[in-house]
Amino acid sequence: MQLLVTDYIMLASTVFCLGMAGIFINRKNIVVLLMSIELMLLASNILFVAFSKFSGNFMVPTTEDPAGQVFVFFILAVAAAEIAIGLAILVLVYRKRQTINVDEMDELKG
């Protein structure tokens, strides 16, 4: 059985919806918010790879256009930087306020 581009689109949309649900359901924990954002980036990576695999013809996979894979490497680099900065900020906020609850971070005092 060969997978079609619609199968990859369904997988990516499911992963993206899981990330959106994680953001809307749990807005209190910063770690869950970061993981949900990473799920949404993973969905875009799946689509880039799928569209580059099926470039030109949506029924027969090709390997002639590696542009999607190149974009995925850039997105992974940005995602890694985002997670590193996000976790560094999370550690600093936890040391300062002893909580990672978003609702308790509404004050801007230093």
PDB file of N, CA and C in Angstrom:
ATOM      1  N   MET A   1       0.835  -1.182   0.000  1.00  0.00           N
ATOM      2  CA  MET A   1       0.000   0.000   0.000  1.00  0.00           C
ATOM      3  C   MET A   1       0.884   1.250   0.000  1.00  0.00           C
ATOM      4  N   GLN A   2       0.625   2.120  -0.941  1.00  0.00           N
ATOM      5  CA  GLN A   2       1.403   3.343  -1.064  1.00  0.00           C
ATOM      6  C   GLN A   2       0.618   4.501  -0.466  1.00  0.00           C
ATOM      7  N   LEU A   3       1.302   5.323   0.304  1.00  0.00           N
ATOM      8  CA  LEU A   3       0.653   6.471   0.913  1.00  0.00           C
ATOM      9  C   LEU A   3       0.552   7.616  -0.091  1.00  0.00           C
ATOM     10  N   LEU A   4      -0.575   8.289  -0.073  1.00  0.00           N
ATOM     11  CA  LEU A   4      -0.796   9.440  -0.941  1.00  0.00           C
ATOM     12  C   LEU A   4      -0.518  10.720  -0.164  1.00  0.00           C
ATOM     13  N   VAL A   5      -0.501  11.818  -0.874  1.00  0.00           N
ATOM     14  CA  VAL A   5      -0.242  13.095  -0.226  1.00  0.00           C
ATOM     15  C   VAL A   5      -1.380  13.455   0.733  1.00  0.00           C
ATOM     16  N   THR A   6      -2.577  12.998   0.463  1.00  0.00           N
ATOM     17  CA  THR A   6      -3.696  13.289   1.365  1.00  0.00           C
ATOM     18  C   THR A   6      -3.507  12.610   2.718  1.00  0.00           C
ATOM     19  N   ASP A   7      -2.854  11.457   2.728  1.00  0.00           N
ATOM     20  CA  ASP A   7      -2.575  10.792   4.002  1.00  0.00           C
ATOM     21  C   ASP A   7      -1.623  11.632   4.856  1.00  0.00           C
ATOM     22  N   TYR A   8      -0.621  12.202   4.214  1.00  0.00           N
ATOM     23  CA  TYR A   8       0.311  13.060   4.940  1.00  0.00           C
ATOM     24  C   TYR A   8      -0.367  14.348   5.401  1.00  0.00           C
ATOM     25  N   ILE A   9      -1.262  14.873   4.593  1.00  0.00           N
ATOM     26  CA  ILE A   9      -1.988  16.079   4.984  1.00  0.00           C
ATOM     27  C   ILE A   9      -2.879  15.796   6.184  1.00  0.00           C
ATOM     28  N   MET A  10      -3.530  14.647   6.191  1.00  0.00           N
ATOM     29  CA  MET A  10      -4.370  14.277   7.337  1.00  0.00           C
ATOM     30  C   MET A  10      -3.526  14.100   8.601  1.00  0.00           C
ATOM     31  N   LEU A  11      -2.366  13.464   8.469  1.00  0.00           N
ATOM     32  CA  LEU A  11      -1.477  13.288   9.619  1.00  0.00           C
ATOM     33  C   LEU A  11      -1.001  14.633  10.147  1.00  0.00           C
ATOM     34  N   ALA A  12      -0.587  15.508   9.251  1.00  0.00           N
ATOM     35  CA  ALA A  12      -0.100  16.821   9.669  1.00  0.00           C
ATOM     36  C   ALA A  12      -1.213  17.653  10.298  1.00  0.00           C
ATOM     37  N   SER A  13      -2.411  17.584   9.747  1.00  0.00           N
ATOM     38  CA  SER A  13      -3.514  18.350  10.334  1.00  0.00           C
ATOM     39  C   SER A  13      -3.902  17.801  11.699  1.00  0.00           C
ATOM     40  N   THR A  14      -3.810  16.490  11.882  1.00  0.00           N
ATOM     41  CA  THR A  14      -4.094  15.902  13.191  1.00  0.00           C
ATOM     42  C   THR A  14      -3.063  16.348  14.221  1.00  0.00           C
ATOM     43  N   VAL A  15      -1.794  16.316  13.848  1.00  0.00           N
ATOM     44  CA  VAL A  15      -0.738  16.747  14.767  1.00  0.00           C
ATOM     45  C   VAL A  15      -0.876  18.239  15.070  1.00  0.00           C
ATOM     46  N   PHE A  16      -1.208  19.043  14.059  1.00  0.00           N
ATOM     47  CA  PHE A  16      -1.391  20.478  14.269  1.00  0.00           C
ATOM     48  C   PHE A  16      -2.573  20.740  15.198  1.00  0.00           C
ATOM     49  N   CYS A  17      -3.661  20.002  15.008  1.00  0.00           N
ATOM     50  CA  CYS A  17      -4.831  20.177  15.876  1.00  0.00           C
ATOM     51  C   CYS A  17      -4.534  19.749  17.307  1.00  0.00           C
ATOM     52  N   LEU A  18      -3.708  18.722  17.481  1.00  0.00           N
ATOM     53  CA  LEU A  18      -3.293  18.335  18.832  1.00  0.00           C
ATOM     54  C   LEU A  18      -2.487  19.453  19.493  1.00  0.00           C
ATOM     55  N   GLY A  19      -1.624  20.095  18.730  1.00  0.00           N
ATOM     56  CA  GLY A  19      -0.872  21.224  19.263  1.00  0.00           C
ATOM     57  C   GLY A  19      -1.771  22.394  19.621  1.00  0.00           C
ATOM     58  N   MET A  20      -2.735  22.693  18.761  1.00  0.00           N
ATOM     59  CA  MET A  20      -3.681  23.775  19.061  1.00  0.00           C
ATOM     60  C   MET A  20      -4.521  23.445  20.282  1.00  0.00           C
ATOM     61  N   ALA A  21      -4.945  22.188  20.392  1.00  0.00           N
ATOM     62  CA  ALA A  21      -5.729  21.777  21.556  1.00  0.00           C
ATOM     63  C   ALA A  21      -4.904  21.908  22.826  1.00  0.00           C
ATOM     64  N   GLY A  22      -3.626  21.566  22.753  1.00  0.00           N
ATOM     65  CA  GLY A  22      -2.765  21.718  23.922  1.00  0.00           C
ATOM     66  C   GLY A  22      -2.626  23.162  24.353  1.00  0.00           C
ATOM     67  N   ILE A  23      -2.621  24.066  23.385  1.00  0.00           N
ATOM     68  CA  ILE A  23      -2.528  25.488  23.725  1.00  0.00           C
ATOM     69  C   ILE A  23      -3.839  25.985  24.323  1.00  0.00           C
ATOM     70  N   PHE A  24      -4.974  25.592  23.739  1.00  0.00           N
ATOM     71  CA  PHE A  24      -6.256  26.096  24.224  1.00  0.00           C
ATOM     72  C   PHE A  24      -6.703  25.438  25.520  1.00  0.00           C
ATOM     73  N   ILE A  25      -6.404  24.162  25.702  1.00  0.00           N
ATOM     74  CA  ILE A  25      -6.867  23.459  26.900  1.00  0.00           C
ATOM     75  C   ILE A  25      -6.024  23.816  28.119  1.00  0.00           C
ATOM     76  N   ASN A  26      -4.714  23.811  27.968  1.00  0.00           N
ATOM     77  CA  ASN A  26      -3.842  24.045  29.114  1.00  0.00           C
ATOM     78  C   ASN A  26      -3.020  25.300  28.881  1.00  0.00           C
ATOM     79  N   ARG A  27      -3.521  26.411  29.333  1.00  0.00           N
ATOM     80  CA  ARG A  27      -2.806  27.676  29.175  1.00  0.00           C
ATOM     81  C   ARG A  27      -2.004  28.037  30.413  1.00  0.00           C
ATOM     82  N   LYS A  28      -1.979  27.164  31.412  1.00  0.00           N
ATOM     83  CA  LYS A  28      -1.343  27.527  32.672  1.00  0.00           C
ATOM     84  C   LYS A  28       0.110  27.101  32.763  1.00  0.00           C
ATOM     85  N   ASN A  29       0.496  26.052  32.084  1.00  0.00           N
ATOM     86  CA  ASN A  29       1.832  25.502  32.227  1.00  0.00           C
ATOM     87  C   ASN A  29       2.679  25.875  31.010  1.00  0.00           C
ATOM     88  N   ILE A  30       3.815  26.496  31.257  1.00  0.00           N
ATOM     89  CA  ILE A  30       4.665  26.949  30.154  1.00  0.00           C
ATOM     90  C   ILE A  30       5.262  25.768  29.400  1.00  0.00           C
ATOM     91  N   VAL A  31       5.579  24.688  30.102  1.00  0.00           N
ATOM     92  CA  VAL A  31       6.179  23.525  29.450  1.00  0.00           C
ATOM     93  C   VAL A  31       5.203  22.922  28.441  1.00  0.00           C
ATOM     94  N   VAL A  32       3.940  22.826  28.812  1.00  0.00           N
ATOM     95  CA  VAL A  32       2.929  22.289  27.897  1.00  0.00           C
ATOM     96  C   VAL A  32       2.741  23.224  26.706  1.00  0.00           C
ATOM     97  N   LEU A  33       2.805  24.518  26.933  1.00  0.00           N
ATOM     98  CA  LEU A  33       2.698  25.474  25.826  1.00  0.00           C
ATOM     99  C   LEU A  33       3.860  25.314  24.849  1.00  0.00           C
ATOM    100  N   LEU A  34       5.078  25.156  25.357  1.00  0.00           N
ATOM    101  CA  LEU A  34       6.230  24.959  24.475  1.00  0.00           C
ATOM    102  C   LEU A  34       6.119  23.653  23.693  1.00  0.00           C
ATOM    103  N   MET A  35       5.661  22.599  24.354  1.00  0.00           N
ATOM    104  CA  MET A  35       5.503  21.317  23.654  1.00  0.00           C
ATOM    105  C   MET A  35       4.414  21.405  22.594  1.00  0.00           C
ATOM    106  N   SER A  36       3.355  22.150  22.865  1.00  0.00           N
ATOM    107  CA  SER A  36       2.287  22.310  21.881  1.00  0.00           C
ATOM    108  C   SER A  36       2.767  23.099  20.666  1.00  0.00           C
ATOM    109  N   ILE A  37       3.574  24.110  20.896  1.00  0.00           N
ATOM    110  CA  ILE A  37       4.142  24.865  19.774  1.00  0.00           C
ATOM    111  C   ILE A  37       5.059  23.981  18.948  1.00  0.00           C
ATOM    112  N   GLU A  38       5.814  23.114  19.604  1.00  0.00           N
ATOM    113  CA  GLU A  38       6.688  22.187  18.877  1.00  0.00           C
ATOM    114  C   GLU A  38       5.875  21.187  18.054  1.00  0.00           C
ATOM    115  N   LEU A  39       4.725  20.764  18.555  1.00  0.00           N
ATOM    116  CA  LEU A  39       3.855  19.886  17.759  1.00  0.00           C
ATOM    117  C   LEU A  39       3.366  20.598  16.504  1.00  0.00           C
ATOM    118  N   MET A  40       3.046  21.878  16.635  1.00  0.00           N
ATOM    119  CA  MET A  40       2.597  22.624  15.467  1.00  0.00           C
ATOM    120  C   MET A  40       3.723  22.784  14.445  1.00  0.00           C
ATOM    121  N   LEU A  41       4.946  22.989  14.912  1.00  0.00           N
ATOM    122  CA  LEU A  41       6.084  23.052  13.989  1.00  0.00           C
ATOM    123  C   LEU A  41       6.349  21.698  13.341  1.00  0.00           C
ATOM    124  N   LEU A  42       6.140  20.624  14.088  1.00  0.00           N
ATOM    125  CA  LEU A  42       6.305  19.281  13.527  1.00  0.00           C
ATOM    126  C   LEU A  42       5.305  19.043  12.405  1.00  0.00           C
ATOM    127  N   ALA A  43       4.089  19.541  12.566  1.00  0.00           N
ATOM    128  CA  ALA A  43       3.086  19.391  11.509  1.00  0.00           C
ATOM    129  C   ALA A  43       3.513  20.120  10.239  1.00  0.00           C
ATOM    130  N   SER A  44       4.092  21.302  10.391  1.00  0.00           N
ATOM    131  CA  SER A  44       4.567  22.000   9.189  1.00  0.00           C
ATOM    132  C   SER A  44       5.733  21.260   8.548  1.00  0.00           C
ATOM    133  N   ASN A  45       6.584  20.644   9.360  1.00  0.00           N
ATOM    134  CA  ASN A  45       7.683  19.843   8.802  1.00  0.00           C
ATOM    135  C   ASN A  45       7.158  18.647   8.023  1.00  0.00           C
ATOM    136  N   ILE A  46       6.141  17.999   8.536  1.00  0.00           N
ATOM    137  CA  ILE A  46       5.544  16.859   7.830  1.00  0.00           C
ATOM    138  C   ILE A  46       5.009  17.302   6.472  1.00  0.00           C
ATOM    139  N   LEU A  47       4.362  18.461   6.439  1.00  0.00           N
ATOM    140  CA  LEU A  47       3.829  18.955   5.166  1.00  0.00           C
ATOM    141  C   LEU A  47       4.936  19.330   4.184  1.00  0.00           C
ATOM    142  N   PHE A  48       5.990  19.957   4.668  1.00  0.00           N
ATOM    143  CA  PHE A  48       7.102  20.290   3.768  1.00  0.00           C
ATOM    144  C   PHE A  48       7.703  19.042   3.142  1.00  0.00           C
ATOM    145  N   VAL A  49       7.937  18.021   3.952  1.00  0.00           N
ATOM    146  CA  VAL A  49       8.526  16.790   3.422  1.00  0.00           C
ATOM    147  C   VAL A  49       7.555  16.095   2.475  1.00  0.00           C
ATOM    148  N   ALA A  50       6.278  16.071   2.819  1.00  0.00           N
ATOM    149  CA  ALA A  50       5.293  15.411   1.957  1.00  0.00           C
ATOM    150  C   ALA A  50       5.168  16.126   0.617  1.00  0.00           C
ATOM    151  N   PHE A  51       5.116  17.450   0.643  1.00  0.00           N
ATOM    152  CA  PHE A  51       4.977  18.178  -0.615  1.00  0.00           C
ATOM    153  C   PHE A  51       6.237  18.102  -1.462  1.00  0.00           C
ATOM    154  N   SER A  52       7.393  17.997  -0.829  1.00  0.00           N
ATOM    155  CA  SER A  52       8.598  17.836  -1.641  1.00  0.00           C
ATOM    156  C   SER A  52       8.707  16.420  -2.192  1.00  0.00           C
ATOM    157  N   LYS A  53       8.163  15.457  -1.458  1.00  0.00           N
ATOM    158  CA  LYS A  53       8.175  14.075  -1.953  1.00  0.00           C
ATOM    159  C   LYS A  53       7.237  13.919  -3.143  1.00  0.00           C
ATOM    160  N   PHE A  54       6.108  14.578  -3.082  1.00  0.00           N
ATOM    161  CA  PHE A  54       5.107  14.466  -4.140  1.00  0.00           C
ATOM    162  C   PHE A  54       5.104  15.707  -5.024  1.00  0.00           C
ATOM    163  N   SER A  55       6.240  16.329  -5.244  1.00  0.00           N
ATOM    164  CA  SER A  55       6.262  17.558  -6.035  1.00  0.00           C
ATOM    165  C   SER A  55       5.939  17.267  -7.494  1.00  0.00           C
ATOM    166  N   GLY A  56       5.004  18.014  -8.018  1.00  0.00           N
ATOM    167  CA  GLY A  56       4.614  17.837  -9.416  1.00  0.00           C
ATOM    168  C   GLY A  56       3.462  16.874  -9.584  1.00  0.00           C
ATOM    169  N   ASN A  57       3.562  15.697  -9.033  1.00  0.00           N
ATOM    170  CA  ASN A  57       2.524  14.685  -9.186  1.00  0.00           C
ATOM    171  C   ASN A  57       2.112  14.228  -7.793  1.00  0.00           C
ATOM    172  N   PHE A  58       0.832  14.353  -7.483  1.00  0.00           N
ATOM    173  CA  PHE A  58       0.365  14.026  -6.147  1.00  0.00           C
ATOM    174  C   PHE A  58       0.062  12.546  -5.964  1.00  0.00           C
ATOM    175  N   MET A  59       0.312  11.729  -6.965  1.00  0.00           N
ATOM    176  CA  MET A  59       0.066  10.298  -6.833  1.00  0.00           C
ATOM    177  C   MET A  59       1.350   9.476  -6.781  1.00  0.00           C
ATOM    178  N   VAL A  60       2.370   9.915  -7.498  1.00  0.00           N
ATOM    179  CA  VAL A  60       3.609   9.139  -7.583  1.00  0.00           C
ATOM    180  C   VAL A  60       4.712   9.895  -6.854  1.00  0.00           C
ATOM    181  N   PRO A  61       5.344   9.293  -5.841  1.00  0.00           N
ATOM    182  CA  PRO A  61       6.422   9.994  -5.144  1.00  0.00           C
ATOM    183  C   PRO A  61       7.655  10.161  -6.021  1.00  0.00           C
ATOM    184  N   THR A  62       8.289  11.310  -5.896  1.00  0.00           N
ATOM    185  CA  THR A  62       9.529  11.572  -6.623  1.00  0.00           C
ATOM    186  C   THR A  62      10.610  11.950  -5.619  1.00  0.00           C
ATOM    187  N   THR A  63      11.843  11.875  -6.032  1.00  0.00           N
ATOM    188  CA  THR A  63      12.950  12.280  -5.160  1.00  0.00           C
ATOM    189  C   THR A  63      13.816  13.336  -5.827  1.00  0.00           C
ATOM    190  N   GLU A  64      13.264  14.074  -6.766  1.00  0.00           N
ATOM    191  CA  GLU A  64      14.050  15.036  -7.529  1.00  0.00           C
ATOM    192  C   GLU A  64      14.132  16.411  -6.876  1.00  0.00           C
ATOM    193  N   ASP A  65      13.197  16.773  -6.013  1.00  0.00           N
ATOM    194  CA  ASP A  65      13.161  18.115  -5.450  1.00  0.00           C
ATOM    195  C   ASP A  65      13.410  18.059  -3.940  1.00  0.00           C
ATOM    196  N   PRO A  66      14.614  18.356  -3.492  1.00  0.00           N
ATOM    197  CA  PRO A  66      14.908  18.293  -2.053  1.00  0.00           C
ATOM    198  C   PRO A  66      14.622  19.597  -1.312  1.00  0.00           C
ATOM    199  N   ALA A  67      13.879  20.509  -1.912  1.00  0.00           N
ATOM    200  CA  ALA A  67      13.642  21.812  -1.281  1.00  0.00           C
ATOM    201  C   ALA A  67      12.878  21.672   0.027  1.00  0.00           C
ATOM    202  N   GLY A  68      11.937  20.743   0.085  1.00  0.00           N
ATOM    203  CA  GLY A  68      11.178  20.543   1.315  1.00  0.00           C
ATOM    204  C   GLY A  68      12.055  20.093   2.463  1.00  0.00           C
ATOM    205  N   GLN A  69      12.992  19.195   2.176  1.00  0.00           N
ATOM    206  CA  GLN A  69      13.895  18.732   3.220  1.00  0.00           C
ATOM    207  C   GLN A  69      14.820  19.853   3.693  1.00  0.00           C
ATOM    208  N   VAL A  70      15.213  20.739   2.786  1.00  0.00           N
ATOM    209  CA  VAL A  70      16.061  21.869   3.169  1.00  0.00           C
ATOM    210  C   VAL A  70      15.293  22.803   4.097  1.00  0.00           C
ATOM    211  N   PHE A  71      14.028  23.073   3.777  1.00  0.00           N
ATOM    212  CA  PHE A  71      13.206  23.904   4.653  1.00  0.00           C
ATOM    213  C   PHE A  71      13.038  23.267   6.022  1.00  0.00           C
ATOM    214  N   VAL A  72      12.916  21.945   6.060  1.00  0.00           N
ATOM    215  CA  VAL A  72      12.764  21.250   7.335  1.00  0.00           C
ATOM    216  C   VAL A  72      14.000  21.450   8.201  1.00  0.00           C
ATOM    217  N   PHE A  73      15.184  21.414   7.609  1.00  0.00           N
ATOM    218  CA  PHE A  73      16.397  21.645   8.394  1.00  0.00           C
ATOM    219  C   PHE A  73      16.415  23.046   8.991  1.00  0.00           C
ATOM    220  N   PHE A  74      15.978  24.040   8.222  1.00  0.00           N
ATOM    221  CA  PHE A  74      15.919  25.394   8.756  1.00  0.00           C
ATOM    222  C   PHE A  74      14.876  25.501   9.867  1.00  0.00           C
ATOM    223  N   ILE A  75      13.735  24.871   9.684  1.00  0.00           N
ATOM    224  CA  ILE A  75      12.699  24.908  10.715  1.00  0.00           C
ATOM    225  C   ILE A  75      13.172  24.200  11.973  1.00  0.00           C
ATOM    226  N   LEU A  76      13.876  23.084  11.820  1.00  0.00           N
ATOM    227  CA  LEU A  76      14.408  22.383  12.989  1.00  0.00           C
ATOM    228  C   LEU A  76      15.436  23.234  13.726  1.00  0.00           C
ATOM    229  N   ALA A  77      16.244  23.973  12.995  1.00  0.00           N
ATOM    230  CA  ALA A  77      17.219  24.856  13.642  1.00  0.00           C
ATOM    231  C   ALA A  77      16.518  25.965  14.420  1.00  0.00           C
ATOM    232  N   VAL A  78      15.493  26.550  13.824  1.00  0.00           N
ATOM    233  CA  VAL A  78      14.732  27.592  14.513  1.00  0.00           C
ATOM    234  C   VAL A  78      14.006  27.011  15.721  1.00  0.00           C
ATOM    235  N   ALA A  79      13.454  25.816  15.589  1.00  0.00           N
ATOM    236  CA  ALA A  79      12.746  25.185  16.702  1.00  0.00           C
ATOM    237  C   ALA A  79      13.700  24.855  17.843  1.00  0.00           C
ATOM    238  N   ALA A  80      14.898  24.406  17.516  1.00  0.00           N
ATOM    239  CA  ALA A  80      15.876  24.110  18.565  1.00  0.00           C
ATOM    240  C   ALA A  80      16.279  25.383  19.303  1.00  0.00           C
ATOM    241  N   ALA A  81      16.469  26.466  18.561  1.00  0.00           N
ATOM    242  CA  ALA A  81      16.793  27.739  19.202  1.00  0.00           C
ATOM    243  C   ALA A  81      15.630  28.231  20.056  1.00  0.00           C
ATOM    244  N   GLU A  82      14.419  28.047  19.562  1.00  0.00           N
ATOM    245  CA  GLU A  82      13.236  28.459  20.318  1.00  0.00           C
ATOM    246  C   GLU A  82      13.126  27.698  21.628  1.00  0.00           C
ATOM    247  N   ILE A  83      13.339  26.402  21.577  1.00  0.00           N
ATOM    248  CA  ILE A  83      13.248  25.593  22.793  1.00  0.00           C
ATOM    249  C   ILE A  83      14.364  25.950  23.765  1.00  0.00           C
ATOM    250  N   ALA A  84      15.566  26.172  23.261  1.00  0.00           N
ATOM    251  CA  ALA A  84      16.678  26.530  24.143  1.00  0.00           C
ATOM    252  C   ALA A  84      16.411  27.855  24.852  1.00  0.00           C
ATOM    253  N   ILE A  85      15.950  28.844  24.102  1.00  0.00           N
ATOM    254  CA  ILE A  85      15.649  30.143  24.705  1.00  0.00           C
ATOM    255  C   ILE A  85      14.447  30.037  25.637  1.00  0.00           C
ATOM    256  N   GLY A  86      13.423  29.305  25.215  1.00  0.00           N
ATOM    257  CA  GLY A  86      12.239  29.141  26.050  1.00  0.00           C
ATOM    258  C   GLY A  86      12.537  28.442  27.362  1.00  0.00           C
ATOM    259  N   LEU A  87      13.340  27.391  27.318  1.00  0.00           N
ATOM    260  CA  LEU A  87      13.683  26.693  28.557  1.00  0.00           C
ATOM    261  C   LEU A  87      14.600  27.531  29.441  1.00  0.00           C
ATOM    262  N   ALA A  88      15.484  28.319  28.843  1.00  0.00           N
ATOM    263  CA  ALA A  88      16.326  29.213  29.641  1.00  0.00           C
ATOM    264  C   ALA A  88      15.476  30.261  30.354  1.00  0.00           C
ATOM    265  N   ILE A  89      14.520  30.833  29.643  1.00  0.00           N
ATOM    266  CA  ILE A  89      13.609  31.792  30.270  1.00  0.00           C
ATOM    267  C   ILE A  89      12.782  31.112  31.347  1.00  0.00           C
ATOM    268  N   LEU A  90      12.354  29.884  31.085  1.00  0.00           N
ATOM    269  CA  LEU A  90      11.573  29.129  32.066  1.00  0.00           C
ATOM    270  C   LEU A  90      12.364  28.894  33.346  1.00  0.00           C
ATOM    271  N   VAL A  91      13.624  28.531  33.228  1.00  0.00           N
ATOM    272  CA  VAL A  91      14.459  28.309  34.412  1.00  0.00           C
ATOM    273  C   VAL A  91      14.639  29.610  35.188  1.00  0.00           C
ATOM    274  N   LEU A  92      14.871  30.713  34.485  1.00  0.00           N
ATOM    275  CA  LEU A  92      15.030  31.999  35.167  1.00  0.00           C
ATOM    276  C   LEU A  92      13.748  32.434  35.872  1.00  0.00           C
ATOM    277  N   VAL A  93      12.616  32.241  35.218  1.00  0.00           N
ATOM    278  CA  VAL A  93      11.338  32.605  35.834  1.00  0.00           C
ATOM    279  C   VAL A  93      11.067  31.731  37.048  1.00  0.00           C
ATOM    280  N   TYR A  94      11.383  30.449  36.948  1.00  0.00           N
ATOM    281  CA  TYR A  94      11.157  29.559  38.091  1.00  0.00           C
ATOM    282  C   TYR A  94      12.061  29.932  39.266  1.00  0.00           C
ATOM    283  N   ARG A  95      13.298  30.306  38.990  1.00  0.00           N
ATOM    284  CA  ARG A  95      14.194  30.719  40.071  1.00  0.00           C
ATOM    285  C   ARG A  95      13.721  32.009  40.729  1.00  0.00           C
ATOM    286  N   LYS A  96      13.141  32.888  39.945  1.00  0.00           N
ATOM    287  CA  LYS A  96      12.706  34.181  40.477  1.00  0.00           C
ATOM    288  C   LYS A  96      11.378  34.074  41.233  1.00  0.00           C
ATOM    289  N   ARG A  97      10.419  33.324  40.682  1.00  0.00           N
ATOM    290  CA  ARG A  97       9.068  33.313  41.243  1.00  0.00           C
ATOM    291  C   ARG A  97       8.650  31.994  41.871  1.00  0.00           C
ATOM    292  N   GLN A  98       9.452  30.947  41.719  1.00  0.00           N
ATOM    293  CA  GLN A  98       9.170  29.618  42.270  1.00  0.00           C
ATOM    294  C   GLN A  98       7.892  28.999  41.715  1.00  0.00           C
ATOM    295  N   THR A  99       7.522  29.362  40.504  1.00  0.00           N
ATOM    296  CA  THR A  99       6.364  28.766  39.836  1.00  0.00           C
ATOM    297  C   THR A  99       6.540  28.896  38.322  1.00  0.00           C
ATOM    298  N   ILE A 100       5.879  27.983  37.596  1.00  0.00           N
ATOM    299  CA  ILE A 100       5.848  28.090  36.136  1.00  0.00           C
ATOM    300  C   ILE A 100       4.412  28.257  35.652  1.00  0.00           C
ATOM    301  N   ASN A 101       3.539  28.659  36.554  1.00  0.00           N
ATOM    302  CA  ASN A 101       2.143  28.888  36.222  1.00  0.00           C
ATOM    303  C   ASN A 101       2.013  30.232  35.507  1.00  0.00           C
ATOM    304  N   VAL A 102       1.407  30.219  34.340  1.00  0.00           N
ATOM    305  CA  VAL A 102       1.287  31.435  33.531  1.00  0.00           C
ATOM    306  C   VAL A 102       0.360  32.448  34.197  1.00  0.00           C
ATOM    307  N   ASP A 103      -0.664  31.982  34.907  1.00  0.00           N
ATOM    308  CA  ASP A 103      -1.612  32.899  35.541  1.00  0.00           C
ATOM    309  C   ASP A 103      -0.957  33.747  36.630  1.00  0.00           C
ATOM    310  N   GLU A 104       0.097  33.244  37.229  1.00  0.00           N
ATOM    311  CA  GLU A 104       0.764  33.990  38.293  1.00  0.00           C
ATOM    312  C   GLU A 104       1.864  34.910  37.766  1.00  0.00           C
ATOM    313  N   MET A 105       2.029  34.985  36.473  1.00  0.00           N
ATOM    314  CA  MET A 105       3.074  35.822  35.876  1.00  0.00           C
ATOM    315  C   MET A 105       2.483  37.052  35.199  1.00  0.00           C
ATOM    316  N   ASP A 106       1.497  37.670  35.809  1.00  0.00           N
ATOM    317  CA  ASP A 106       0.850  38.813  35.187  1.00  0.00           C
ATOM    318  C   ASP A 106       1.457  40.148  35.612  1.00  0.00           C
ATOM    319  N   GLU A 107       2.377  40.129  36.552  1.00  0.00           N
ATOM    320  CA  GLU A 107       3.008  41.363  36.990  1.00  0.00           C
ATOM    321  C   GLU A 107       4.323  41.563  36.258  1.00  0.00           C
ATOM    322  N   LEU A 108       4.655  42.805  35.979  1.00  0.00           N
ATOM    323  CA  LEU A 108       5.864  43.116  35.234  1.00  0.00           C
ATOM    324  C   LEU A 108       6.986  43.634  36.123  1.00  0.00           C
ATOM    325  N   LYS A 109       6.854  43.456  37.418  1.00  0.00           N
ATOM    326  CA  LYS A 109       7.926  43.947  38.281  1.00  0.00           C
ATOM    327  C   LYS A 109       9.127  43.007  38.217  1.00  0.00           C
ATOM    328  N   GLY A 110      10.320  43.552  38.384  1.00  0.00           N
ATOM    329  CA  GLY A 110      11.548  42.779  38.276  1.00  0.00           C
ATOM    330  C   GLY A 110      11.957  42.212  39.548  1.00  0.00           C
TER     331      GLY A 110
END
